Protein backbone atom coordinates (compact mmCIF):
# COMPACT_ATOMS: atom_id res chain seq x y z
CA UNK A 1 130.60 11.27 224.45
CA UNK A 2 129.76 11.60 228.16
CA UNK A 3 132.93 13.68 228.67
CA UNK A 4 131.87 16.09 225.92
CA UNK A 5 128.41 16.52 227.47
CA UNK A 6 129.90 17.08 230.94
CA UNK A 7 132.33 19.68 229.61
CA UNK A 8 129.51 21.42 227.72
CA UNK A 9 127.32 21.51 230.85
CA UNK A 10 130.21 22.88 232.94
CA UNK A 11 130.96 25.57 230.38
CA UNK A 12 127.30 26.53 230.12
CA UNK A 13 127.06 26.71 233.90
CA UNK A 14 130.14 28.88 234.25
CA UNK A 15 128.98 31.24 231.49
CA UNK A 16 125.59 31.69 233.15
CA UNK A 17 127.31 32.50 236.45
CA UNK A 18 129.32 35.25 234.81
CA UNK A 19 126.12 36.73 233.43
CA UNK A 20 124.42 36.67 236.82
CA UNK A 21 123.54 39.96 238.39
CA UNK A 22 126.36 41.02 240.67
CA UNK A 23 124.89 44.23 242.04
CA UNK A 24 121.36 45.00 243.21
CA UNK A 25 119.91 47.95 241.29
CA UNK A 26 118.88 50.94 243.38
CA UNK A 27 115.44 52.34 242.63
CA UNK A 28 115.03 56.05 243.17
CA UNK A 29 111.81 58.00 243.06
CA UNK A 30 112.49 61.18 241.18
CA UNK A 31 109.49 63.02 239.90
CA UNK A 32 109.78 65.18 236.81
CA UNK A 33 106.80 67.14 235.64
CA UNK A 34 103.26 66.10 236.44
CA UNK A 35 103.84 62.35 236.22
CA UNK A 36 105.07 61.11 239.54
CA UNK A 37 105.93 57.53 238.71
CA UNK A 38 102.80 55.85 240.05
CA UNK A 39 101.85 58.20 242.85
CA UNK A 40 99.24 60.42 241.24
CA UNK A 41 98.24 62.00 244.57
CA UNK A 42 101.23 64.32 244.58
CA UNK A 43 100.48 67.93 243.60
CA UNK A 44 96.74 67.58 244.04
CA UNK A 45 94.88 70.04 246.27
CA UNK A 46 94.15 67.22 248.70
CA UNK A 47 97.85 66.33 248.96
CA UNK A 48 98.76 69.99 249.44
CA UNK A 49 96.19 70.28 252.23
CA UNK A 50 97.60 67.19 253.97
CA UNK A 51 101.09 68.68 253.78
CA UNK A 52 99.71 71.80 255.50
CA UNK A 53 98.17 69.61 258.22
CA UNK A 54 101.52 67.93 258.86
CA UNK A 55 103.29 71.30 258.92
CA UNK A 56 100.77 72.54 261.48
CA UNK A 57 101.52 69.55 263.73
CA UNK A 58 105.26 70.16 263.28
CA UNK A 59 104.77 73.82 264.17
CA UNK A 60 102.89 72.86 267.33
CA UNK A 61 105.74 70.55 268.34
CA UNK A 62 108.30 73.29 267.68
CA UNK A 63 106.30 75.76 269.75
CA UNK A 64 106.21 73.34 272.67
CA UNK A 65 109.97 72.81 272.50
CA UNK A 66 110.62 76.55 272.34
CA UNK A 67 108.26 77.24 275.24
CA UNK A 68 105.81 79.26 273.16
CA UNK A 69 103.06 76.73 273.99
CA UNK A 70 102.52 74.71 277.12
CA UNK A 71 101.85 71.00 276.82
CA UNK A 72 98.23 71.62 277.74
CA UNK A 73 97.83 74.30 275.06
CA UNK A 74 99.52 72.06 272.50
CA UNK A 75 97.20 69.20 273.35
CA UNK A 76 94.19 71.46 272.76
CA UNK A 77 95.52 72.70 269.42
CA UNK A 78 96.48 69.17 268.32
CA UNK A 79 92.92 68.09 269.09
CA UNK A 80 91.62 70.81 266.77
CA UNK A 81 93.98 69.74 263.99
CA UNK A 82 92.94 66.11 264.48
CA UNK A 83 89.28 67.15 264.28
CA UNK A 84 90.00 68.74 260.89
CA UNK A 85 91.64 65.51 259.73
CA UNK A 86 88.61 63.52 260.92
CA UNK A 87 86.35 65.88 258.95
CA UNK A 88 88.54 65.34 255.88
CA UNK A 89 88.20 61.56 256.25
CA UNK A 90 84.42 61.97 256.55
CA UNK A 91 84.41 63.95 253.30
CA UNK A 92 86.37 61.11 251.64
CA UNK A 93 83.71 58.63 252.77
CA UNK A 94 80.92 60.87 251.49
CA UNK A 95 82.64 61.35 248.12
CA UNK A 96 83.59 57.71 247.72
CA UNK A 97 87.10 58.71 246.65
CA UNK A 98 90.13 60.22 248.34
CA UNK A 99 89.57 63.62 246.80
CA UNK A 100 87.89 66.72 248.12
CA UNK A 101 85.50 69.04 246.34
CA UNK A 102 86.49 72.68 246.15
CA UNK A 103 83.84 73.59 248.77
CA UNK A 104 85.11 70.92 251.15
CA UNK A 105 88.69 72.02 250.63
CA UNK A 106 87.74 75.65 251.29
CA UNK A 107 85.98 74.68 254.51
CA UNK A 108 88.95 72.65 255.76
CA UNK A 109 91.45 75.36 254.79
CA UNK A 110 89.43 77.98 256.68
CA UNK A 111 89.38 75.80 259.79
CA UNK A 112 93.13 75.21 259.54
CA UNK A 113 93.78 78.92 258.97
CA UNK A 114 91.90 79.79 262.16
CA UNK A 115 94.10 77.43 264.13
CA UNK A 116 97.30 78.59 262.45
CA UNK A 117 96.53 82.24 263.12
CA UNK A 118 96.06 81.49 266.81
CA UNK A 119 99.58 80.06 267.10
């Protein structure tokens, strides 16, 4: 009887090993439509504004590398962009959520446009 139980346990163990996961699944984040798989901030006006802020910083860095801006000029412009970001964070605190009102967004966009046009 003990031999039968041992054989049954060995068979059960070997079967469970063959069913074990052999390859780790790869999770990809592909967004289709308005649902973004848990990240609802994508495609909001606030997200779009933040993308513009990052592009402005990238543009400043490119202009320094190309010689269009000196390091001193770039530092000044970066300070202005950072001030806009600080204002955005202040608006978030005032609103109690990480979203901007249309008036706040207009104000920040105007400030960013003034900087961008000076580049």
